[in-house]
Amino acid sequence: MIYQFRSKAGPDVIMLADLTQRIFGILGCPLEPRGILTMEQLPPLITALETAILRDLEERSKSNATSQENTEKPRLTDRLGQRAYPFLELMKQAKAKDQPVMWGV
């Protein structure tokens, strides 16, 4: 399934279900076919996603350091920050312009 997130504050963001489920799990929000993130909800959600991205980067740097010591190849999986960046930016733009983020409409 594909989710399209919209806000009057910025361009639409389209994500596949696996990434959307991962992000909403981090945010602690239920993922419904249709929904809205209100202006009041955005600040803690932005902080939660930024924290998860930083944690992911720290884990990857530790893992890469360990694999280099063991002369293994580093993991080449997608970074959370790389994949979640467009959605994070949409939330930041929506917060700055006092607009909600909606999907499924």
C-alpha atoms as a PDB file:
ATOM      1  CA  MET A   1       0.000   0.000   0.000  1.00  0.00           C
ATOM      2  CA  ILE A   2       1.120   3.556  -0.690  1.00  0.00           C
ATOM      3  CA  TYR A   3       0.468   6.474   1.648  1.00  0.00           C
ATOM      4  CA  GLN A   4       0.347  10.051   0.416  1.00  0.00           C
ATOM      5  CA  PHE A   5       0.823  12.725   3.064  1.00  0.00           C
ATOM      6  CA  ARG A   6      -0.415  16.238   2.344  1.00  0.00           C
ATOM      7  CA  SER A   7      -0.160  19.625   3.950  1.00  0.00           C
ATOM      8  CA  LYS A   8      -0.744  23.137   2.691  1.00  0.00           C
ATOM      9  CA  ALA A   9       2.683  23.908   4.135  1.00  0.00           C
ATOM     10  CA  GLY A  10       4.724  21.846   1.678  1.00  0.00           C
ATOM     11  CA  PRO A  11       4.831  19.310  -1.152  1.00  0.00           C
ATOM     12  CA  ASP A  12       3.139  15.920  -0.853  1.00  0.00           C
ATOM     13  CA  VAL A  13       5.192  13.013   0.472  1.00  0.00           C
ATOM     14  CA  ILE A  14       4.550   9.495  -0.817  1.00  0.00           C
ATOM     15  CA  MET A  15       5.770   6.479   1.170  1.00  0.00           C
ATOM     16  CA  LEU A  16       5.366   2.730   0.955  1.00  0.00           C
ATOM     17  CA  ALA A  17       3.619   0.863   3.751  1.00  0.00           C
ATOM     18  CA  ASP A  18       6.785  -0.625   5.314  1.00  0.00           C
ATOM     19  CA  LEU A  19       8.401   2.768   5.917  1.00  0.00           C
ATOM     20  CA  THR A  20       5.110   4.347   6.998  1.00  0.00           C
ATOM     21  CA  GLN A  21       4.502   1.575   9.541  1.00  0.00           C
ATOM     22  CA  ARG A  22       8.052   1.924  10.864  1.00  0.00           C
ATOM     23  CA  ILE A  23       7.706   5.701  11.266  1.00  0.00           C
ATOM     24  CA  PHE A  24       4.291   5.511  12.895  1.00  0.00           C
ATOM     25  CA  GLY A  25       5.623   2.852  15.276  1.00  0.00           C
ATOM     26  CA  ILE A  26       8.371   5.277  16.279  1.00  0.00           C
ATOM     27  CA  LEU A  27       5.841   8.063  16.677  1.00  0.00           C
ATOM     28  CA  GLY A  28       3.540   5.860  18.768  1.00  0.00           C
ATOM     29  CA  CYS A  29       0.578   6.718  16.561  1.00  0.00           C
ATOM     30  CA  PRO A  30      -1.896   4.245  15.102  1.00  0.00           C
ATOM     31  CA  LEU A  31      -1.661   3.993  11.320  1.00  0.00           C
ATOM     32  CA  GLU A  32      -5.127   4.236   9.846  1.00  0.00           C
ATOM     33  CA  PRO A  33      -6.030   4.404   6.142  1.00  0.00           C
ATOM     34  CA  ARG A  34      -7.012   8.052   6.709  1.00  0.00           C
ATOM     35  CA  GLY A  35      -5.844  10.472   9.333  1.00  0.00           C
ATOM     36  CA  ILE A  36      -4.516  13.817  10.438  1.00  0.00           C
ATOM     37  CA  LEU A  37      -1.612  15.046  12.536  1.00  0.00           C
ATOM     38  CA  THR A  38      -2.713  18.288  14.155  1.00  0.00           C
ATOM     39  CA  MET A  39      -0.517  21.299  14.847  1.00  0.00           C
ATOM     40  CA  GLU A  40      -0.554  20.417  18.558  1.00  0.00           C
ATOM     41  CA  GLN A  41       0.694  16.876  17.857  1.00  0.00           C
ATOM     42  CA  LEU A  42       3.550  17.873  15.550  1.00  0.00           C
ATOM     43  CA  PRO A  43       6.235  19.175  17.989  1.00  0.00           C
ATOM     44  CA  PRO A  44       6.552  15.959  20.063  1.00  0.00           C
ATOM     45  CA  LEU A  45       6.269  13.799  16.924  1.00  0.00           C
ATOM     46  CA  ILE A  46       9.082  15.724  15.234  1.00  0.00           C
ATOM     47  CA  THR A  47      11.246  15.301  18.334  1.00  0.00           C
ATOM     48  CA  ALA A  48      10.485  11.564  18.512  1.00  0.00           C
ATOM     49  CA  LEU A  49      11.429  11.008  14.867  1.00  0.00           C
ATOM     50  CA  GLU A  50      14.616  13.091  15.136  1.00  0.00           C
ATOM     51  CA  THR A  51      15.627  11.130  18.250  1.00  0.00           C
ATOM     52  CA  ALA A  52      15.039   7.820  16.457  1.00  0.00           C
ATOM     53  CA  ILE A  53      17.121   8.983  13.494  1.00  0.00           C
ATOM     54  CA  LEU A  54      20.011   9.986  15.775  1.00  0.00           C
ATOM     55  CA  ARG A  55      19.790   6.657  17.607  1.00  0.00           C
ATOM     56  CA  ASP A  56      19.867   4.816  14.265  1.00  0.00           C
ATOM     57  CA  LEU A  57      22.978   6.762  13.207  1.00  0.00           C
ATOM     58  CA  GLU A  58      24.730   5.966  16.501  1.00  0.00           C
ATOM     59  CA  GLU A  59      23.928   2.255  16.185  1.00  0.00           C
ATOM     60  CA  ARG A  60      25.205   2.199  12.615  1.00  0.00           C
ATOM     61  CA  SER A  61      28.463   3.928  13.508  1.00  0.00           C
ATOM     62  CA  LYS A  62      29.048   1.424  16.333  1.00  0.00           C
ATOM     63  CA  SER A  63      28.178  -1.473  14.043  1.00  0.00           C
ATOM     64  CA  ASN A  64      30.458  -0.190  11.278  1.00  0.00           C
ATOM     65  CA  ALA A  65      33.319   0.322  13.730  1.00  0.00           C
ATOM     66  CA  THR A  66      32.901  -3.241  14.999  1.00  0.00           C
ATOM     67  CA  SER A  67      32.713  -4.674  11.490  1.00  0.00           C
ATOM     68  CA  GLN A  68      35.864  -2.775  10.457  1.00  0.00           C
ATOM     69  CA  GLU A  69      37.741  -4.254  13.414  1.00  0.00           C
ATOM     70  CA  ASN A  70      36.598  -7.697  12.302  1.00  0.00           C
ATOM     71  CA  THR A  71      37.319  -6.858   8.627  1.00  0.00           C
ATOM     72  CA  GLU A  72      33.679  -7.483   7.740  1.00  0.00           C
ATOM     73  CA  LYS A  73      31.784  -5.404   5.215  1.00  0.00           C
ATOM     74  CA  PRO A  74      29.549  -2.751   6.796  1.00  0.00           C
ATOM     75  CA  ARG A  75      25.797  -3.212   6.530  1.00  0.00           C
ATOM     76  CA  LEU A  76      24.329  -1.576   3.448  1.00  0.00           C
ATOM     77  CA  THR A  77      20.729  -1.280   4.586  1.00  0.00           C
ATOM     78  CA  ASP A  78      18.690   1.869   4.236  1.00  0.00           C
ATOM     79  CA  ARG A  79      19.233   4.452   6.916  1.00  0.00           C
ATOM     80  CA  LEU A  80      16.133   5.636   8.740  1.00  0.00           C
ATOM     81  CA  GLY A  81      17.118   9.268   8.334  1.00  0.00           C
ATOM     82  CA  GLN A  82      17.596   8.857   4.615  1.00  0.00           C
ATOM     83  CA  ARG A  83      14.166   7.333   4.123  1.00  0.00           C
ATOM     84  CA  ALA A  84      12.247   9.421   6.682  1.00  0.00           C
ATOM     85  CA  TYR A  85      13.748  12.812   5.759  1.00  0.00           C
ATOM     86  CA  PRO A  86      10.954  13.940   3.361  1.00  0.00           C
ATOM     87  CA  PHE A  87       8.252  13.137   5.941  1.00  0.00           C
ATOM     88  CA  LEU A  88      10.231  14.828   8.725  1.00  0.00           C
ATOM     89  CA  GLU A  89      10.643  17.944   6.578  1.00  0.00           C
ATOM     90  CA  LEU A  90       6.911  17.998   5.777  1.00  0.00           C
ATOM     91  CA  MET A  91       6.111  17.856   9.498  1.00  0.00           C
ATOM     92  CA  LYS A  92       8.574  20.691  10.200  1.00  0.00           C
ATOM     93  CA  GLN A  93       7.097  22.839   7.423  1.00  0.00           C
ATOM     94  CA  ALA A  94       3.576  22.148   8.665  1.00  0.00           C
ATOM     95  CA  LYS A  95       4.573  23.107  12.205  1.00  0.00           C
ATOM     96  CA  ALA A  96       6.204  26.333  11.003  1.00  0.00           C
ATOM     97  CA  LYS A  97       3.089  27.333   9.053  1.00  0.00           C
ATOM     98  CA  ASP A  98       0.531  26.035  11.597  1.00  0.00           C
ATOM     99  CA  GLN A  99      -0.936  23.511   9.178  1.00  0.00           C
ATOM    100  CA  PRO A 100      -1.958  19.881   9.796  1.00  0.00           C
ATOM    101  CA  VAL A 101      -0.550  16.877   7.933  1.00  0.00           C
ATOM    102  CA  MET A 102      -3.251  14.647   6.419  1.00  0.00           C
ATOM    103  CA  TRP A 103      -3.330  11.382   4.530  1.00  0.00           C
ATOM    104  CA  GLY A 104      -5.954   9.251   2.824  1.00  0.00           C
ATOM    105  CA  VAL A 105      -8.064  12.241   1.784  1.00  0.00           C
END
